Amino acid sequence: MKKHPKKFKVGLIQLGFSKNPDDNLKKAIVWIEKAAKKGAQVICLPELFRSQYFCQSENIDYYDLAETIPGPSTDAVSKIAKKLKVVVVVPLFEKRATGLYHNSLAVVNTKGEIAGVYRKMHIPDDPSYYEKYYFTPGDLGFKSFDTEYGNIGTLICWDQWYPEGARITALQGASILFYPTAIGWHPHEKKEHGKPQFESWQTIQRSHAIANGVYVASVNRIGLEKETKDAAGIEFWGNSFICDPQGIIIAEASHDKEEILIAEVDLDRIEYIRRNWPFLRDRRIDAYGDITKRFLK
């Protein structure tokens, strides 16, 4: 295990994306440099940052967007991570083998090496979020990565609704949970349901911070993305945020602007919160066996 500093700074990069994967990669590299100049040491990009959110429909041609790990994205990020001595969380549409694809991320360390891979465990299948068509559920389990700056946990988007994933990741020693995300409103639902949908999204992730005594960082994309001119599309709501182990939001982005969030992870803060709210101490691990069953009736 590496010796970590007591404090380190994380950076979330909230962006909008075009339909050109190469342009999106070049843009991400520029913004990684900007984040590093602002002091970020561990940087996270949004989910599936190489493209617009293609899962709005089931289209066999979109498999062409997938790439291997290592591959073009990790190669490009590795160079900049090594140059700037930063850790970068790189979310990708992973081509694992012919006919086998995952919604994944790679953690690139300060040496430009791939420190590990996480594959999204929970795969949605909702209107305009047809991910089950494209992605096989992850088979690597929940992950905490020992980086030069600290132990970081990584989950992806739909994983954020499940407290079990947050708990298992925190139990592996993560001091912060990163949730690269692609979430937004269906335009026709926004007026009636937009506010409670957004508030639920933020509340569930803040609750993971509180229940586990960890920092949480959720990074989203922005913009209205339409597959075709006449489609309703998805209005991605941005609002990336970072909260502390008490669930207090310490950095928050706008709904519609490209920007970088910077916040500090303080291990002493985690220690203080866990001593005063000793949820890990009082867990009844002998009583939770039923949690692995689908339903109890």
C-alpha atoms as a PDB file:
ATOM      1  CA  MET A   1       0.000   0.000   0.000  1.00  0.00           C
ATOM      2  CA  LYS A   2       1.241   3.467  -0.931  1.00  0.00           C
ATOM      3  CA  LYS A   3       1.807   6.151   1.687  1.00  0.00           C
ATOM      4  CA  HIS A   4      -0.792   8.820   1.026  1.00  0.00           C
ATOM      5  CA  PRO A   5      -0.910  12.516   1.877  1.00  0.00           C
ATOM      6  CA  LYS A   6      -3.486  13.610   4.454  1.00  0.00           C
ATOM      7  CA  LYS A   7      -5.101  15.844   1.854  1.00  0.00           C
ATOM      8  CA  PHE A   8      -5.443  15.820  -1.921  1.00  0.00           C
ATOM      9  CA  LYS A   9      -7.462  17.769  -4.469  1.00  0.00           C
ATOM     10  CA  VAL A  10      -9.945  16.269  -6.887  1.00  0.00           C
ATOM     11  CA  GLY A  11     -11.215  17.806 -10.108  1.00  0.00           C
ATOM     12  CA  LEU A  12     -14.443  17.094 -11.985  1.00  0.00           C
ATOM     13  CA  ILE A  13     -14.670  18.109 -15.636  1.00  0.00           C
ATOM     14  CA  GLN A  14     -18.235  18.912 -16.732  1.00  0.00           C
ATOM     15  CA  LEU A  15     -18.498  19.150 -20.518  1.00  0.00           C
ATOM     16  CA  GLY A  16     -20.811  18.946 -23.501  1.00  0.00           C
ATOM     17  CA  PHE A  17     -19.879  16.566 -26.310  1.00  0.00           C
ATOM     18  CA  SER A  18     -20.141  16.436 -30.094  1.00  0.00           C
ATOM     19  CA  LYS A  19     -20.709  13.458 -32.380  1.00  0.00           C
ATOM     20  CA  ASN A  20     -16.999  13.369 -33.256  1.00  0.00           C
ATOM     21  CA  PRO A  21     -15.056  11.025 -30.914  1.00  0.00           C
ATOM     22  CA  ASP A  22     -11.655  12.430 -31.871  1.00  0.00           C
ATOM     23  CA  ASP A  23     -12.764  15.991 -31.158  1.00  0.00           C
ATOM     24  CA  ASN A  24     -14.154  14.903 -27.799  1.00  0.00           C
ATOM     25  CA  LEU A  25     -10.875  13.244 -26.855  1.00  0.00           C
ATOM     26  CA  LYS A  26      -8.837  16.315 -27.823  1.00  0.00           C
ATOM     27  CA  LYS A  27     -11.221  18.496 -25.848  1.00  0.00           C
ATOM     28  CA  ALA A  28     -10.921  16.263 -22.787  1.00  0.00           C
ATOM     29  CA  ILE A  29      -7.119  16.464 -22.886  1.00  0.00           C
ATOM     30  CA  VAL A  30      -7.269  20.273 -22.953  1.00  0.00           C
ATOM     31  CA  TRP A  31      -9.610  20.311 -19.974  1.00  0.00           C
ATOM     32  CA  ILE A  32      -7.472  17.821 -18.037  1.00  0.00           C
ATOM     33  CA  GLU A  33      -4.608  20.299 -18.405  1.00  0.00           C
ATOM     34  CA  LYS A  34      -6.864  23.104 -17.183  1.00  0.00           C
ATOM     35  CA  ALA A  35      -7.923  21.061 -14.155  1.00  0.00           C
ATOM     36  CA  ALA A  36      -4.316  20.247 -13.280  1.00  0.00           C
ATOM     37  CA  LYS A  37      -3.384  23.937 -13.484  1.00  0.00           C
ATOM     38  CA  LYS A  38      -6.169  24.635 -10.980  1.00  0.00           C
ATOM     39  CA  GLY A  39      -4.535  22.192  -8.589  1.00  0.00           C
ATOM     40  CA  ALA A  40      -6.474  18.989  -9.232  1.00  0.00           C
ATOM     41  CA  GLN A  41      -4.471  15.850  -8.492  1.00  0.00           C
ATOM     42  CA  VAL A  42      -7.188  13.262  -9.176  1.00  0.00           C
ATOM     43  CA  ILE A  43      -9.373  14.147 -12.171  1.00  0.00           C
ATOM     44  CA  CYS A  44     -12.577  12.517 -13.430  1.00  0.00           C
ATOM     45  CA  LEU A  45     -14.301  12.843 -16.815  1.00  0.00           C
ATOM     46  CA  PRO A  46     -18.027  12.182 -17.449  1.00  0.00           C
ATOM     47  CA  GLU A  47     -19.398   8.777 -18.424  1.00  0.00           C
ATOM     48  CA  LEU A  48     -18.789   7.729 -22.071  1.00  0.00           C
ATOM     49  CA  PHE A  49     -17.014  11.030 -22.784  1.00  0.00           C
ATOM     50  CA  ARG A  50     -15.803  10.034 -26.271  1.00  0.00           C
ATOM     51  CA  SER A  51     -19.276  10.422 -27.778  1.00  0.00           C
ATOM     52  CA  GLN A  52     -22.734  11.772 -27.330  1.00  0.00           C
ATOM     53  CA  TYR A  53     -24.993   9.471 -25.335  1.00  0.00           C
ATOM     54  CA  PHE A  54     -25.757   6.925 -28.060  1.00  0.00           C
ATOM     55  CA  CYS A  55     -27.936   4.675 -25.863  1.00  0.00           C
ATOM     56  CA  GLN A  56     -31.018   6.753 -26.710  1.00  0.00           C
ATOM     57  CA  SER A  57     -31.749   4.072 -29.312  1.00  0.00           C
ATOM     58  CA  GLU A  58     -30.721   0.539 -30.227  1.00  0.00           C
ATOM     59  CA  ASN A  59     -28.460   0.894 -33.253  1.00  0.00           C
ATOM     60  CA  ILE A  60     -25.967  -1.789 -34.220  1.00  0.00           C
ATOM     61  CA  ASP A  61     -23.699   0.787 -35.876  1.00  0.00           C
ATOM     62  CA  TYR A  62     -22.930   2.384 -32.516  1.00  0.00           C
ATOM     63  CA  TYR A  63     -20.812  -0.598 -31.553  1.00  0.00           C
ATOM     64  CA  ASP A  64     -18.198   1.018 -33.793  1.00  0.00           C
ATOM     65  CA  LEU A  65     -17.707   3.636 -31.060  1.00  0.00           C
ATOM     66  CA  ALA A  66     -16.228   1.047 -28.695  1.00  0.00           C
ATOM     67  CA  GLU A  67     -12.500   0.759 -28.030  1.00  0.00           C
ATOM     68  CA  THR A  68     -10.128  -1.509 -26.193  1.00  0.00           C
ATOM     69  CA  ILE A  69      -8.379  -0.907 -22.875  1.00  0.00           C
ATOM     70  CA  PRO A  70      -5.594  -0.012 -23.395  1.00  0.00           C
ATOM     71  CA  GLY A  71      -6.575   1.865 -26.525  1.00  0.00           C
ATOM     72  CA  PRO A  72      -6.732   5.341 -28.086  1.00  0.00           C
ATOM     73  CA  SER A  73      -8.290   7.098 -25.095  1.00  0.00           C
ATOM     74  CA  THR A  74      -6.103   5.570 -22.421  1.00  0.00           C
ATOM     75  CA  ASP A  75      -3.003   6.107 -24.583  1.00  0.00           C
ATOM     76  CA  ALA A  76      -3.750   9.824 -24.944  1.00  0.00           C
ATOM     77  CA  VAL A  77      -4.670  10.304 -21.290  1.00  0.00           C
ATOM     78  CA  SER A  78      -1.633   8.320 -20.124  1.00  0.00           C
ATOM     79  CA  LYS A  79       0.697  10.810 -21.789  1.00  0.00           C
ATOM     80  CA  ILE A  80      -0.899  13.843 -20.178  1.00  0.00           C
ATOM     81  CA  ALA A  81      -1.267  12.132 -16.785  1.00  0.00           C
ATOM     82  CA  LYS A  82       2.438  11.285 -16.739  1.00  0.00           C
ATOM     83  CA  LYS A  83       3.408  14.779 -17.873  1.00  0.00           C
ATOM     84  CA  LEU A  84       1.261  16.518 -15.250  1.00  0.00           C
ATOM     85  CA  LYS A  85       1.663  13.862 -12.534  1.00  0.00           C
ATOM     86  CA  VAL A  86      -2.085  13.495 -12.065  1.00  0.00           C
ATOM     87  CA  VAL A  87      -4.445  10.537 -11.702  1.00  0.00           C
ATOM     88  CA  VAL A  88      -7.279  10.459 -14.259  1.00  0.00           C
ATOM     89  CA  VAL A  89     -10.520   8.450 -14.256  1.00  0.00           C
ATOM     90  CA  VAL A  90     -11.278   7.693 -17.922  1.00  0.00           C
ATOM     91  CA  PRO A  91     -14.826   6.386 -18.640  1.00  0.00           C
ATOM     92  CA  LEU A  92     -15.078   4.373 -21.874  1.00  0.00           C
ATOM     93  CA  PHE A  93     -17.255   2.236 -24.116  1.00  0.00           C
ATOM     94  CA  GLU A  94     -15.035  -0.831 -23.814  1.00  0.00           C
ATOM     95  CA  LYS A  95     -14.676  -3.477 -26.518  1.00  0.00           C
ATOM     96  CA  ARG A  96     -13.485  -6.460 -24.513  1.00  0.00           C
ATOM     97  CA  ALA A  97     -13.800  -9.001 -27.323  1.00  0.00           C
ATOM     98  CA  THR A  98     -15.768  -9.479 -30.524  1.00  0.00           C
ATOM     99  CA  GLY A  99     -19.408  -9.191 -29.503  1.00  0.00           C
ATOM    100  CA  LEU A 100     -18.578  -8.389 -25.855  1.00  0.00           C
ATOM    101  CA  TYR A 101     -18.819  -4.795 -24.668  1.00  0.00           C
ATOM    102  CA  HIS A 102     -18.886  -2.976 -21.336  1.00  0.00           C
ATOM    103  CA  ASN A 103     -19.549   0.486 -19.952  1.00  0.00           C
ATOM    104  CA  SER A 104     -16.203   0.843 -18.218  1.00  0.00           C
ATOM    105  CA  LEU A 105     -13.564   3.162 -16.878  1.00  0.00           C
ATOM    106  CA  ALA A 106      -9.807   2.991 -16.548  1.00  0.00           C
ATOM    107  CA  VAL A 107      -7.855   4.628 -13.751  1.00  0.00           C
ATOM    108  CA  VAL A 108      -4.608   6.082 -15.111  1.00  0.00           C
ATOM    109  CA  ASN A 109      -1.935   6.866 -12.513  1.00  0.00           C
ATOM    110  CA  THR A 110       0.775   9.538 -12.359  1.00  0.00           C
ATOM    111  CA  LYS A 111       3.208   7.267 -14.187  1.00  0.00           C
ATOM    112  CA  GLY A 112       0.834   7.011 -17.127  1.00  0.00           C
ATOM    113  CA  GLU A 113       0.011   3.409 -16.262  1.00  0.00           C
ATOM    114  CA  ILE A 114      -3.438   1.843 -16.115  1.00  0.00           C
ATOM    115  CA  ALA A 115      -3.854   1.188 -12.401  1.00  0.00           C
ATOM    116  CA  GLY A 116      -7.049  -0.763 -12.951  1.00  0.00           C
ATOM    117  CA  VAL A 117     -10.406  -1.077 -14.685  1.00  0.00           C
ATOM    118  CA  TYR A 118     -13.962  -0.928 -13.378  1.00  0.00           C
ATOM    119  CA  ARG A 119     -16.948  -2.178 -15.373  1.00  0.00           C
ATOM    120  CA  LYS A 120     -20.398  -0.782 -14.632  1.00  0.00           C
ATOM    121  CA  MET A 121     -22.320  -3.300 -12.546  1.00  0.00           C
ATOM    122  CA  HIS A 122     -25.896  -2.028 -12.832  1.00  0.00           C
ATOM    123  CA  ILE A 123     -27.139  -1.621 -16.409  1.00  0.00           C
ATOM    124  CA  PRO A 124     -30.391   0.316 -17.017  1.00  0.00           C
ATOM    125  CA  ASP A 125     -33.035  -0.287 -19.658  1.00  0.00           C
ATOM    126  CA  ASP A 126     -35.363   2.707 -19.572  1.00  0.00           C
ATOM    127  CA  PRO A 127     -36.815   4.941 -22.293  1.00  0.00           C
ATOM    128  CA  SER A 128     -33.845   6.631 -24.028  1.00  0.00           C
ATOM    129  CA  TYR A 129     -31.414   4.785 -21.734  1.00  0.00           C
ATOM    130  CA  TYR A 130     -31.243   1.473 -23.594  1.00  0.00           C
ATOM    131  CA  GLU A 131     -27.927   0.355 -22.152  1.00  0.00           C
ATOM    132  CA  LYS A 132     -28.748  -3.344 -21.897  1.00  0.00           C
ATOM    133  CA  TYR A 133     -28.611  -3.500 -25.691  1.00  0.00           C
ATOM    134  CA  TYR A 134     -24.963  -2.410 -25.666  1.00  0.00           C
ATOM    135  CA  PHE A 135     -23.355  -3.365 -22.376  1.00  0.00           C
ATOM    136  CA  THR A 136     -22.714  -6.622 -20.556  1.00  0.00           C
ATOM    137  CA  PRO A 137     -22.878  -6.113 -16.767  1.00  0.00           C
ATOM    138  CA  GLY A 138     -19.518  -5.754 -15.064  1.00  0.00           C
ATOM    139  CA  ASP A 139     -17.742  -8.855 -13.783  1.00  0.00           C
ATOM    140  CA  LEU A 140     -14.844  -7.276 -11.878  1.00  0.00           C
ATOM    141  CA  GLY A 141     -16.820  -6.417  -8.760  1.00  0.00           C
ATOM    142  CA  PHE A 142     -16.716  -3.126  -6.915  1.00  0.00           C
ATOM    143  CA  LYS A 143     -13.331  -1.450  -6.849  1.00  0.00           C
ATOM    144  CA  SER A 144     -11.112   0.816  -4.779  1.00  0.00           C
ATOM    145  CA  PHE A 145      -7.822   1.822  -6.388  1.00  0.00           C
ATOM    146  CA  ASP A 146      -4.674   2.637  -4.417  1.00  0.00           C
ATOM    147  CA  THR A 147      -3.309   5.706  -6.234  1.00  0.00           C
ATOM    148  CA  GLU A 148      -0.426   8.024  -5.452  1.00  0.00           C
ATOM    149  CA  TYR A 149      -2.770  10.519  -3.802  1.00  0.00           C
ATOM    150  CA  GLY A 150      -5.247   8.250  -2.062  1.00  0.00           C
ATOM    151  CA  ASN A 151      -7.613   5.301  -2.246  1.00  0.00           C
ATOM    152  CA  ILE A 152     -10.353   6.155  -4.723  1.00  0.00           C
ATOM    153  CA  GLY A 153     -13.540   4.244  -5.424  1.00  0.00           C
ATOM    154  CA  THR A 154     -15.177   4.266  -8.843  1.00  0.00           C
ATOM    155  CA  LEU A 155     -18.720   3.479  -9.874  1.00  0.00           C
ATOM    156  CA  ILE A 156     -20.673   4.574 -12.947  1.00  0.00           C
ATOM    157  CA  CYS A 157     -23.996   6.425 -13.276  1.00  0.00           C
ATOM    158  CA  TRP A 158     -26.820   3.884 -12.638  1.00  0.00           C
ATOM    159  CA  ASP A 159     -24.641   2.368  -9.911  1.00  0.00           C
ATOM    160  CA  GLN A 160     -25.313   5.559  -7.932  1.00  0.00           C
ATOM    161  CA  TRP A 161     -28.831   4.432  -7.027  1.00  0.00           C
ATOM    162  CA  TYR A 162     -27.623   1.313  -5.193  1.00  0.00           C
ATOM    163  CA  PRO A 163     -26.304   1.683  -1.630  1.00  0.00           C
ATOM    164  CA  GLU A 164     -24.782  -1.796  -1.755  1.00  0.00           C
ATOM    165  CA  GLY A 165     -22.175  -0.755  -4.323  1.00  0.00           C
ATOM    166  CA  ALA A 166     -21.218   2.348  -2.375  1.00  0.00           C
ATOM    167  CA  ARG A 167     -20.895   0.340   0.828  1.00  0.00           C
ATOM    168  CA  ILE A 168     -18.702  -2.394  -0.638  1.00  0.00           C
ATOM    169  CA  THR A 169     -16.457   0.175  -2.311  1.00  0.00           C
ATOM    170  CA  ALA A 170     -16.087   2.146   0.910  1.00  0.00           C
ATOM    171  CA  LEU A 171     -15.308  -1.043   2.835  1.00  0.00           C
ATOM    172  CA  GLN A 172     -12.325  -1.529   0.510  1.00  0.00           C
ATOM    173  CA  GLY A 173     -10.796   1.650   1.896  1.00  0.00           C
ATOM    174  CA  ALA A 174     -11.940   4.283  -0.593  1.00  0.00           C
ATOM    175  CA  SER A 175     -11.840   7.817   0.787  1.00  0.00           C
ATOM    176  CA  ILE A 176     -13.896   9.160  -2.121  1.00  0.00           C
ATOM    177  CA  LEU A 177     -16.455   7.610  -4.480  1.00  0.00           C
ATOM    178  CA  PHE A 178     -16.410   8.900  -8.062  1.00  0.00           C
ATOM    179  CA  TYR A 179     -19.591   8.599 -10.132  1.00  0.00           C
ATOM    180  CA  PRO A 180     -18.998   9.555 -13.790  1.00  0.00           C
ATOM    181  CA  THR A 181     -22.514  10.055 -15.097  1.00  0.00           C
ATOM    182  CA  ALA A 182     -24.752  10.765 -18.091  1.00  0.00           C
ATOM    183  CA  ILE A 183     -28.170  11.739 -16.753  1.00  0.00           C
ATOM    184  CA  GLY A 184     -30.777  14.276 -17.724  1.00  0.00           C
ATOM    185  CA  TRP A 185     -34.391  15.107 -18.348  1.00  0.00           C
ATOM    186  CA  HIS A 186     -36.720  13.913 -21.062  1.00  0.00           C
ATOM    187  CA  PRO A 187     -37.790  17.373 -22.294  1.00  0.00           C
ATOM    188  CA  HIS A 188     -41.513  16.536 -22.180  1.00  0.00           C
ATOM    189  CA  GLU A 189     -41.204  15.410 -18.540  1.00  0.00           C
ATOM    190  CA  LYS A 190     -39.081  18.246 -17.225  1.00  0.00           C
ATOM    191  CA  LYS A 191     -41.878  20.625 -16.228  1.00  0.00           C
ATOM    192  CA  GLU A 192     -43.739  18.051 -14.126  1.00  0.00           C
ATOM    193  CA  HIS A 193     -40.990  15.717 -12.937  1.00  0.00           C
ATOM    194  CA  GLY A 194     -37.714  17.575 -13.433  1.00  0.00           C
ATOM    195  CA  LYS A 195     -37.252  18.998  -9.953  1.00  0.00           C
ATOM    196  CA  PRO A 196     -37.944  15.773  -7.989  1.00  0.00           C
ATOM    197  CA  GLN A 197     -35.861  13.714 -10.437  1.00  0.00           C
ATOM    198  CA  PHE A 198     -32.861  15.969  -9.989  1.00  0.00           C
ATOM    199  CA  GLU A 199     -33.253  16.221  -6.224  1.00  0.00           C
ATOM    200  CA  SER A 200     -33.535  12.437  -5.890  1.00  0.00           C
ATOM    201  CA  TRP A 201     -30.330  12.008  -7.886  1.00  0.00           C
ATOM    202  CA  GLN A 202     -28.419  14.380  -5.671  1.00  0.00           C
ATOM    203  CA  THR A 203     -29.943  13.107  -2.426  1.00  0.00           C
ATOM    204  CA  ILE A 204     -29.118   9.436  -2.982  1.00  0.00           C
ATOM    205  CA  GLN A 205     -25.458  10.223  -3.597  1.00  0.00           C
ATOM    206  CA  ARG A 206     -25.207  12.531  -0.607  1.00  0.00           C
ATOM    207  CA  SER A 207     -26.677   9.693   1.451  1.00  0.00           C
ATOM    208  CA  HIS A 208     -23.841   7.397   0.315  1.00  0.00           C
ATOM    209  CA  ALA A 209     -21.365   9.940   1.667  1.00  0.00           C
ATOM    210  CA  ILE A 210     -23.160  10.089   5.014  1.00  0.00           C
ATOM    211  CA  ALA A 211     -23.738   6.353   5.438  1.00  0.00           C
ATOM    212  CA  ASN A 212     -20.132   5.475   4.620  1.00  0.00           C
ATOM    213  CA  GLY A 213     -18.215   8.480   5.925  1.00  0.00           C
ATOM    214  CA  VAL A 214     -16.592   9.211   2.554  1.00  0.00           C
ATOM    215  CA  TYR A 215     -16.443  12.004   0.013  1.00  0.00           C
ATOM    216  CA  VAL A 216     -18.618  11.619  -3.096  1.00  0.00           C
ATOM    217  CA  ALA A 217     -17.906  13.222  -6.483  1.00  0.00           C
ATOM    218  CA  SER A 218     -20.453  12.990  -9.292  1.00  0.00           C
ATOM    219  CA  VAL A 219     -19.576  14.382 -12.725  1.00  0.00           C
ATOM    220  CA  ASN A 220     -22.219  14.783 -15.428  1.00  0.00           C
ATOM    221  CA  ARG A 221     -22.371  16.106 -18.994  1.00  0.00           C
ATOM    222  CA  ILE A 222     -24.426  19.064 -20.234  1.00  0.00           C
ATOM    223  CA  GLY A 223     -26.502  19.951 -23.271  1.00  0.00           C
ATOM    224  CA  LEU A 224     -29.478  18.732 -25.268  1.00  0.00           C
ATOM    225  CA  GLU A 225     -28.441  15.689 -27.292  1.00  0.00           C
ATOM    226  CA  LYS A 226     -30.677  14.452 -30.107  1.00  0.00           C
ATOM    227  CA  GLU A 227     -30.000  11.378 -32.179  1.00  0.00           C
ATOM    228  CA  THR A 228     -31.996  12.894 -35.052  1.00  0.00           C
ATOM    229  CA  LYS A 229     -33.321  16.382 -35.744  1.00  0.00           C
ATOM    230  CA  ASP A 230     -36.908  15.396 -34.916  1.00  0.00           C
ATOM    231  CA  ALA A 231     -36.115  13.383 -31.779  1.00  0.00           C
ATOM    232  CA  ALA A 232     -36.971  14.757 -28.342  1.00  0.00           C
ATOM    233  CA  GLY A 233     -33.523  13.854 -27.049  1.00  0.00           C
ATOM    234  CA  ILE A 234     -32.200  14.157 -23.505  1.00  0.00           C
ATOM    235  CA  GLU A 235     -31.397  17.432 -21.777  1.00  0.00           C
ATOM    236  CA  PHE A 236     -28.414  16.517 -19.623  1.00  0.00           C
ATOM    237  CA  TRP A 237     -28.663  18.475 -16.407  1.00  0.00           C
ATOM    238  CA  GLY A 238     -24.999  18.884 -15.514  1.00  0.00           C
ATOM    239  CA  ASN A 239     -24.853  20.044 -11.888  1.00  0.00           C
ATOM    240  CA  SER A 240     -21.779  17.978 -11.088  1.00  0.00           C
ATOM    241  CA  PHE A 241     -21.008  18.151  -7.385  1.00  0.00           C
ATOM    242  CA  ILE A 242     -18.687  17.047  -4.598  1.00  0.00           C
ATOM    243  CA  CYS A 243     -19.845  16.447  -1.038  1.00  0.00           C
ATOM    244  CA  ASP A 244     -17.975  15.695   2.166  1.00  0.00           C
ATOM    245  CA  PRO A 245     -18.432  12.713   4.536  1.00  0.00           C
ATOM    246  CA  GLN A 246     -21.347  14.498   6.206  1.00  0.00           C
ATOM    247  CA  GLY A 247     -23.140  14.919   2.886  1.00  0.00           C
ATOM    248  CA  ILE A 248     -22.431  18.655   2.782  1.00  0.00           C
ATOM    249  CA  ILE A 249     -21.982  19.916  -0.787  1.00  0.00           C
ATOM    250  CA  ILE A 250     -18.585  21.619  -0.980  1.00  0.00           C
ATOM    251  CA  ALA A 251     -18.467  22.242  -4.747  1.00  0.00           C
ATOM    252  CA  GLU A 252     -21.306  22.387  -7.266  1.00  0.00           C
ATOM    253  CA  ALA A 253     -21.536  23.162 -10.972  1.00  0.00           C
ATOM    254  CA  SER A 254     -24.260  24.815 -13.030  1.00  0.00           C
ATOM    255  CA  HIS A 255     -26.904  22.979 -15.032  1.00  0.00           C
ATOM    256  CA  ASP A 256     -25.676  24.183 -18.407  1.00  0.00           C
ATOM    257  CA  LYS A 257     -22.049  25.376 -18.431  1.00  0.00           C
ATOM    258  CA  GLU A 258     -18.755  23.649 -19.132  1.00  0.00           C
ATOM    259  CA  GLU A 259     -16.649  23.978 -16.025  1.00  0.00           C
ATOM    260  CA  ILE A 260     -14.190  22.417 -13.607  1.00  0.00           C
ATOM    261  CA  LEU A 261     -14.970  21.696  -9.977  1.00  0.00           C
ATOM    262  CA  ILE A 262     -12.116  21.509  -7.478  1.00  0.00           C
ATOM    263  CA  ALA A 263     -12.417  20.294  -3.894  1.00  0.00           C
ATOM    264  CA  GLU A 264     -10.123  18.895  -1.245  1.00  0.00           C
ATOM    265  CA  VAL A 265     -10.331  15.414   0.262  1.00  0.00           C
ATOM    266  CA  ASP A 266      -9.211  15.559   3.890  1.00  0.00           C
ATOM    267  CA  LEU A 267      -8.523  12.214   5.578  1.00  0.00           C
ATOM    268  CA  ASP A 268      -8.713  13.868   8.997  1.00  0.00           C
ATOM    269  CA  ARG A 269     -12.257  14.968   8.157  1.00  0.00           C
ATOM    270  CA  ILE A 270     -13.165  11.349   7.411  1.00  0.00           C
ATOM    271  CA  GLU A 271     -11.639  10.283  10.721  1.00  0.00           C
ATOM    272  CA  TYR A 272     -13.551  12.958  12.625  1.00  0.00           C
ATOM    273  CA  ILE A 273     -16.909  12.117  11.031  1.00  0.00           C
ATOM    274  CA  ARG A 274     -16.523   8.369  11.502  1.00  0.00           C
ATOM    275  CA  ARG A 275     -15.627   8.797  15.172  1.00  0.00           C
ATOM    276  CA  ASN A 276     -18.695  10.937  15.789  1.00  0.00           C
ATOM    277  CA  TRP A 277     -21.074   9.065  13.494  1.00  0.00           C
ATOM    278  CA  PRO A 278     -19.767   5.497  13.963  1.00  0.00           C
ATOM    279  CA  PHE A 279     -21.969   3.773  11.413  1.00  0.00           C
ATOM    280  CA  LEU A 280     -19.239   1.323  10.414  1.00  0.00           C
ATOM    281  CA  ARG A 281     -18.722   0.346  14.054  1.00  0.00           C
ATOM    282  CA  ASP A 282     -22.396  -0.410  14.632  1.00  0.00           C
ATOM    283  CA  ARG A 283     -23.107  -2.449  11.508  1.00  0.00           C
ATOM    284  CA  ARG A 284     -24.696  -5.836  12.230  1.00  0.00           C
ATOM    285  CA  ILE A 285     -22.863  -7.851   9.615  1.00  0.00           C
ATOM    286  CA  ASP A 286     -24.215 -11.049  11.179  1.00  0.00           C
ATOM    287  CA  ALA A 287     -27.782  -9.998  10.304  1.00  0.00           C
ATOM    288  CA  TYR A 288     -27.510  -8.993   6.644  1.00  0.00           C
ATOM    289  CA  GLY A 289     -27.445 -12.355   4.875  1.00  0.00           C
ATOM    290  CA  ASP A 290     -30.879 -11.816   3.330  1.00  0.00           C
ATOM    291  CA  ILE A 291     -29.594  -8.833   1.339  1.00  0.00           C
ATOM    292  CA  THR A 292     -28.263 -11.260  -1.277  1.00  0.00           C
ATOM    293  CA  LYS A 293     -31.769 -12.591  -2.025  1.00  0.00           C
ATOM    294  CA  ARG A 294     -33.941 -11.140  -4.783  1.00  0.00           C
ATOM    295  CA  PHE A 295     -37.003 -10.756  -2.536  1.00  0.00           C
ATOM    296  CA  LEU A 296     -38.072 -12.133   0.833  1.00  0.00           C
ATOM    297  CA  LYS A 297     -41.759 -12.947   0.214  1.00  0.00           C
END
